[in-house]
Amino acid sequence: MAMMKAFLANEDGATAIEYGLIATLLAVALIAAFLSFGSSLRGLFNYVSNRSGAAMSGG
């Protein structure tokens, strides 16, 4: 009986699951952010690339 109480009182597995859920939530939030801002970031990087290429070629 004491062994069963100790097993039920042990929260080590719960902590690991909580960390796993936090990591999953963070990954989902990052994927959503990348999907929503991806095209605007691509446009920004293309603009910077074109402007820096023009500046380096002297034009």
N, C-alpha and C. Protein backbone atom coordinates (compact mmCIF):
# COMPACT_ATOMS: atom_id res chain seq x y z
N MET A 1 0.82 -1.20 0.00
CA MET A 1 0.00 0.00 0.00
C MET A 1 0.87 1.26 0.00
N ALA A 2 1.93 1.25 0.78
CA ALA A 2 2.82 2.41 0.84
C ALA A 2 3.49 2.64 -0.51
N MET A 3 3.79 1.53 -1.20
CA MET A 3 4.41 1.65 -2.52
C MET A 3 3.44 2.32 -3.51
N MET A 4 2.18 2.03 -3.43
CA MET A 4 1.17 2.62 -4.30
C MET A 4 1.03 4.11 -4.01
N LYS A 5 1.04 4.49 -2.73
CA LYS A 5 0.95 5.91 -2.37
C LYS A 5 2.16 6.68 -2.87
N ALA A 6 3.33 6.07 -2.76
CA ALA A 6 4.56 6.71 -3.25
C ALA A 6 4.50 6.88 -4.77
N PHE A 7 3.98 5.87 -5.45
CA PHE A 7 3.85 5.95 -6.91
C PHE A 7 2.90 7.06 -7.32
N LEU A 8 1.78 7.19 -6.64
CA LEU A 8 0.80 8.22 -6.98
C LEU A 8 1.28 9.62 -6.60
N ALA A 9 2.14 9.72 -5.58
CA ALA A 9 2.65 11.02 -5.16
C ALA A 9 3.83 11.49 -6.01
N ASN A 10 4.44 10.59 -6.76
CA ASN A 10 5.60 10.94 -7.59
C ASN A 10 5.16 11.82 -8.75
N GLU A 11 5.77 13.00 -8.87
CA GLU A 11 5.40 13.95 -9.93
C GLU A 11 6.49 14.15 -10.96
N ASP A 12 7.50 13.30 -10.99
CA ASP A 12 8.60 13.45 -11.95
C ASP A 12 8.11 13.32 -13.39
N GLY A 13 7.26 12.37 -13.65
CA GLY A 13 6.74 12.18 -15.00
C GLY A 13 5.85 13.34 -15.43
N ALA A 14 5.10 13.89 -14.50
CA ALA A 14 4.23 15.02 -14.82
C ALA A 14 5.05 16.23 -15.24
N THR A 15 6.18 16.44 -14.60
CA THR A 15 7.04 17.57 -14.96
C THR A 15 7.59 17.39 -16.36
N ALA A 16 8.01 16.19 -16.70
CA ALA A 16 8.53 15.92 -18.04
C ALA A 16 7.44 16.15 -19.09
N ILE A 17 6.23 15.72 -18.80
CA ILE A 17 5.12 15.92 -19.74
C ILE A 17 4.82 17.40 -19.90
N GLU A 18 4.87 18.15 -18.82
CA GLU A 18 4.63 19.59 -18.91
C GLU A 18 5.67 20.27 -19.78
N TYR A 19 6.94 19.91 -19.61
CA TYR A 19 7.99 20.47 -20.46
C TYR A 19 7.78 20.09 -21.92
N GLY A 20 7.34 18.87 -22.16
CA GLY A 20 7.06 18.45 -23.52
C GLY A 20 5.92 19.24 -24.14
N LEU A 21 4.89 19.51 -23.36
CA LEU A 21 3.76 20.30 -23.85
C LEU A 21 4.17 21.75 -24.13
N ILE A 22 5.02 22.30 -23.28
CA ILE A 22 5.51 23.67 -23.51
C ILE A 22 6.34 23.73 -24.79
N ALA A 23 7.21 22.74 -24.99
CA ALA A 23 8.03 22.70 -26.20
C ALA A 23 7.16 22.56 -27.45
N THR A 24 6.12 21.74 -27.36
CA THR A 24 5.20 21.57 -28.49
C THR A 24 4.45 22.86 -28.79
N LEU A 25 3.98 23.53 -27.76
CA LEU A 25 3.27 24.80 -27.95
C LEU A 25 4.18 25.84 -28.58
N LEU A 26 5.43 25.89 -28.13
CA LEU A 26 6.39 26.82 -28.69
C LEU A 26 6.66 26.52 -30.16
N ALA A 27 6.79 25.25 -30.49
CA ALA A 27 7.03 24.87 -31.89
C ALA A 27 5.84 25.24 -32.77
N VAL A 28 4.63 25.02 -32.29
CA VAL A 28 3.44 25.38 -33.07
C VAL A 28 3.37 26.90 -33.27
N ALA A 29 3.69 27.66 -32.23
CA ALA A 29 3.67 29.12 -32.34
C ALA A 29 4.72 29.60 -33.34
N LEU A 30 5.91 29.00 -33.32
CA LEU A 30 6.95 29.40 -34.28
C LEU A 30 6.55 29.05 -35.71
N ILE A 31 5.98 27.90 -35.92
CA ILE A 31 5.53 27.51 -37.26
C ILE A 31 4.45 28.47 -37.75
N ALA A 32 3.51 28.82 -36.89
CA ALA A 32 2.46 29.77 -37.28
C ALA A 32 3.04 31.13 -37.62
N ALA A 33 4.02 31.58 -36.85
CA ALA A 33 4.64 32.87 -37.13
C ALA A 33 5.40 32.83 -38.45
N PHE A 34 6.13 31.75 -38.71
CA PHE A 34 6.87 31.64 -39.96
C PHE A 34 5.93 31.60 -41.16
N LEU A 35 4.81 30.91 -41.00
CA LEU A 35 3.86 30.83 -42.11
C LEU A 35 3.18 32.17 -42.37
N SER A 36 2.89 32.93 -41.32
CA SER A 36 2.18 34.18 -41.52
C SER A 36 3.11 35.31 -41.97
N PHE A 37 4.37 35.29 -41.53
CA PHE A 37 5.30 36.36 -41.91
C PHE A 37 6.29 35.94 -42.97
N GLY A 38 6.19 34.72 -43.47
CA GLY A 38 7.18 34.19 -44.42
C GLY A 38 7.28 35.00 -45.69
N SER A 39 6.16 35.34 -46.30
CA SER A 39 6.23 36.05 -47.58
C SER A 39 6.75 37.47 -47.40
N SER A 40 6.38 38.14 -46.33
CA SER A 40 6.88 39.49 -46.12
C SER A 40 8.37 39.47 -45.80
N LEU A 41 8.83 38.47 -45.07
CA LEU A 41 10.27 38.36 -44.81
C LEU A 41 11.04 38.05 -46.08
N ARG A 42 10.48 37.22 -46.93
CA ARG A 42 11.13 36.91 -48.21
C ARG A 42 11.26 38.18 -49.04
N GLY A 43 10.22 39.00 -49.06
CA GLY A 43 10.28 40.26 -49.79
C GLY A 43 11.31 41.21 -49.21
N LEU A 44 11.40 41.26 -47.90
CA LEU A 44 12.40 42.11 -47.25
C LEU A 44 13.81 41.66 -47.59
N PHE A 45 14.07 40.35 -47.52
CA PHE A 45 15.41 39.85 -47.84
C PHE A 45 15.75 40.07 -49.31
N ASN A 46 14.78 39.91 -50.20
CA ASN A 46 15.03 40.18 -51.62
C ASN A 46 15.35 41.66 -51.85
N TYR A 47 14.64 42.54 -51.18
CA TYR A 47 14.90 43.98 -51.30
C TYR A 47 16.31 44.31 -50.83
N VAL A 48 16.69 43.80 -49.66
CA VAL A 48 18.03 44.08 -49.13
C VAL A 48 19.09 43.49 -50.05
N SER A 49 18.86 42.29 -50.57
CA SER A 49 19.81 41.67 -51.46
C SER A 49 19.98 42.47 -52.76
N ASN A 50 18.87 42.92 -53.32
CA ASN A 50 18.94 43.71 -54.56
C ASN A 50 19.64 45.04 -54.33
N ARG A 51 19.31 45.70 -53.23
CA ARG A 51 19.93 47.00 -52.93
C ARG A 51 21.44 46.86 -52.65
N SER A 52 21.82 45.84 -51.90
CA SER A 52 23.24 45.67 -51.60
C SER A 52 24.01 45.24 -52.85
N GLY A 53 23.39 44.43 -53.70
CA GLY A 53 24.04 44.04 -54.97
C GLY A 53 24.24 45.25 -55.86
N ALA A 54 23.27 46.13 -55.92
CA ALA A 54 23.40 47.35 -56.72
C ALA A 54 24.47 48.26 -56.14
N ALA A 55 24.54 48.38 -54.83
CA ALA A 55 25.54 49.23 -54.21
C ALA A 55 26.95 48.69 -54.44
N MET A 56 27.10 47.39 -54.44
CA MET A 56 28.43 46.79 -54.62
C MET A 56 28.88 46.87 -56.08
N SER A 57 27.93 46.91 -57.01
CA SER A 57 28.32 46.98 -58.42
C SER A 57 28.48 48.43 -58.87
N GLY A 58 28.20 49.36 -57.98
CA GLY A 58 28.41 50.77 -58.31
C GLY A 58 27.22 51.43 -58.95
N GLY A 59 26.10 50.77 -58.95
CA GLY A 59 24.93 51.33 -59.62
C GLY A 59 23.93 51.69 -58.66
